[in-house]
Amino acid sequence: MLEINSTVQNAKVPVTIIHAKGDIDASNYEEFQTQTEKIISDGAKYVILDLHGVDYMSSAGLRVIHGLFNKLREIHQDANDEELRKKMSAGAYKSPYIKVANLTTKVKEVFELGGFETYIEVYDDLNNAINSF
């Protein structure tokens, strides 16, 4: 069973930490998507996904994370699509709005296989992630 809750920590900006516990796969990614999108629509602008309780994530979970990345980009409008593609292909772009923390070994492997660490910063420590904003 997937559990999701969020807390807010004040850094230089208010940072919303989305805590997930349970596997994220084809059977429940829609719940993950609905709950995380609601958190953003309720006003979260800077997000950390704390995934220490997630032992397995399928490509469906990765698609949700990519969707969150795009939603936060729409809110902030920091780079147009062409600029972003150029920066990402040069390895010069990391999202200033979404970061992940505490990936388990299996999830980190999937995250890296999907190339997500090239544009989303990964932290092993939640406090370091919070302080990175």
Protein backbone atom coordinates (compact mmCIF):
# COMPACT_ATOMS: atom_id res chain seq x y z
CA MET A 1 0.00 0.00 0.00
CA LEU A 2 1.25 3.45 -0.94
CA GLU A 3 1.29 6.19 1.70
CA ILE A 4 1.96 9.81 0.79
CA ASN A 5 2.08 12.83 3.05
CA SER A 6 3.80 16.17 2.96
CA THR A 7 5.44 18.63 5.30
CA VAL A 8 6.81 22.12 4.73
CA GLN A 9 10.24 23.30 5.90
CA ASN A 10 11.43 26.86 5.61
CA ALA A 11 14.78 27.27 3.87
CA LYS A 12 15.50 30.31 1.68
CA VAL A 13 12.03 29.46 0.32
CA PRO A 14 9.26 27.25 1.73
CA VAL A 15 10.16 23.69 0.70
CA THR A 16 7.43 21.05 0.49
CA ILE A 17 8.70 17.58 1.30
CA ILE A 18 6.58 14.80 -0.15
CA HIS A 19 7.17 11.61 1.82
CA ALA A 20 6.29 8.38 0.03
CA LYS A 21 6.19 4.91 1.53
CA GLY A 22 5.48 1.74 -0.43
CA ASP A 23 6.17 0.51 -3.94
CA ILE A 24 5.21 2.75 -6.86
CA ASP A 25 4.20 0.80 -9.95
CA ALA A 26 1.46 0.36 -12.55
CA SER A 27 -1.06 -0.59 -9.85
CA ASN A 28 -0.85 2.69 -7.93
CA TYR A 29 1.04 5.34 -9.91
CA GLU A 30 -2.24 7.20 -10.52
CA GLU A 31 -2.67 7.64 -6.76
CA PHE A 32 0.94 8.89 -6.55
CA GLN A 33 0.24 11.29 -9.42
CA THR A 34 -3.08 12.56 -8.05
CA GLN A 35 -1.74 13.18 -4.56
CA THR A 36 1.51 14.84 -5.65
CA GLU A 37 -0.24 17.03 -8.25
CA LYS A 38 -2.74 18.14 -5.59
CA ILE A 39 0.14 19.19 -3.33
CA ILE A 40 1.51 21.33 -6.17
CA SER A 41 -1.90 22.76 -7.08
CA ASP A 42 -2.36 23.64 -3.39
CA GLY A 43 0.67 25.93 -3.67
CA ALA A 44 3.91 23.94 -3.41
CA LYS A 45 6.53 25.60 -5.62
CA TYR A 46 9.72 23.94 -4.35
CA VAL A 47 9.50 20.20 -3.83
CA ILE A 48 11.62 17.39 -2.44
CA LEU A 49 10.48 13.83 -3.01
CA ASP A 50 11.64 11.88 0.04
CA LEU A 51 11.63 8.30 -1.21
CA HIS A 52 13.34 6.50 1.70
CA GLY A 53 10.24 4.31 2.13
CA VAL A 54 10.03 3.30 -1.54
CA ASP A 55 11.77 -0.01 -2.26
CA TYR A 56 10.55 -0.34 -5.85
CA MET A 57 9.55 2.12 -8.56
CA SER A 58 8.55 1.20 -12.08
CA SER A 59 8.67 3.41 -15.15
CA ALA A 60 5.13 4.52 -14.28
CA GLY A 61 6.51 6.19 -11.13
CA LEU A 62 9.27 7.83 -13.15
CA ARG A 63 6.68 9.25 -15.55
CA VAL A 64 4.89 10.84 -12.59
CA ILE A 65 8.15 12.42 -11.41
CA HIS A 66 8.79 13.76 -14.92
CA GLY A 67 5.26 15.17 -14.96
CA LEU A 68 5.91 16.94 -11.64
CA PHE A 69 9.12 18.36 -13.10
CA ASN A 70 7.09 19.78 -16.01
CA LYS A 71 4.31 21.16 -13.76
CA LEU A 72 6.87 23.00 -11.63
CA ARG A 73 8.56 24.36 -14.78
CA GLU A 74 5.20 25.72 -15.94
CA ILE A 75 4.72 27.50 -12.60
CA HIS A 76 8.19 29.07 -12.64
CA GLN A 77 8.70 29.51 -16.41
CA ASP A 78 12.49 29.66 -16.05
CA ALA A 79 13.54 28.40 -19.49
CA ASN A 80 11.75 27.79 -22.74
CA ASP A 81 11.74 24.26 -24.16
CA GLU A 82 14.55 24.88 -26.64
CA GLU A 83 16.84 26.47 -24.02
CA LEU A 84 16.05 23.64 -21.64
CA ARG A 85 16.85 20.93 -24.21
CA LYS A 86 20.19 22.57 -24.99
CA LYS A 87 21.11 22.92 -21.32
CA MET A 88 20.01 19.37 -20.50
CA SER A 89 21.92 17.80 -23.39
CA ALA A 90 25.02 19.73 -22.30
CA GLY A 91 24.51 18.51 -18.73
CA ALA A 92 24.14 22.12 -17.62
CA TYR A 93 20.64 22.01 -16.17
CA LYS A 94 19.40 20.76 -12.81
CA SER A 95 15.88 21.66 -11.77
CA PRO A 96 15.88 24.36 -9.10
CA TYR A 97 12.30 23.35 -8.16
CA ILE A 98 12.26 19.57 -7.64
CA LYS A 99 14.84 17.35 -5.98
CA VAL A 100 14.82 13.81 -4.62
CA ALA A 101 16.23 12.48 -1.39
CA ASN A 102 16.95 9.14 0.21
CA LEU A 103 16.66 6.86 -2.80
CA THR A 104 16.91 3.18 -1.98
CA THR A 105 19.46 1.20 -3.99
CA LYS A 106 16.89 -0.25 -6.40
CA VAL A 107 15.10 3.04 -6.96
CA LYS A 108 18.38 4.89 -7.47
CA GLU A 109 19.30 2.34 -10.15
CA VAL A 110 15.99 2.90 -11.98
CA PHE A 111 16.31 6.68 -11.57
CA GLU A 112 19.78 6.63 -13.13
CA LEU A 113 18.83 4.19 -15.90
CA GLY A 114 16.07 6.62 -16.83
CA GLY A 115 18.61 9.48 -16.94
CA PHE A 116 16.71 11.47 -14.32
CA GLU A 117 19.82 12.37 -12.28
CA THR A 118 20.99 14.44 -15.26
CA TYR A 119 18.29 17.04 -14.56
CA ILE A 120 17.05 16.33 -11.02
CA GLU A 121 19.46 16.57 -8.10
CA VAL A 122 19.67 13.52 -5.84
CA TYR A 123 20.54 13.81 -2.14
CA ASP A 124 21.29 11.12 0.43
CA ASP A 125 20.44 13.50 3.25
CA LEU A 126 17.13 15.34 3.58
CA ASN A 127 18.68 18.35 5.36
CA ASN A 128 21.21 18.81 2.55
CA ALA A 129 18.35 18.67 0.04
CA ILE A 130 16.38 21.29 1.99
CA ASN A 131 19.43 23.56 2.28
CA SER A 132 20.08 23.29 -1.48
CA PHE A 133 17.12 25.58 -2.21
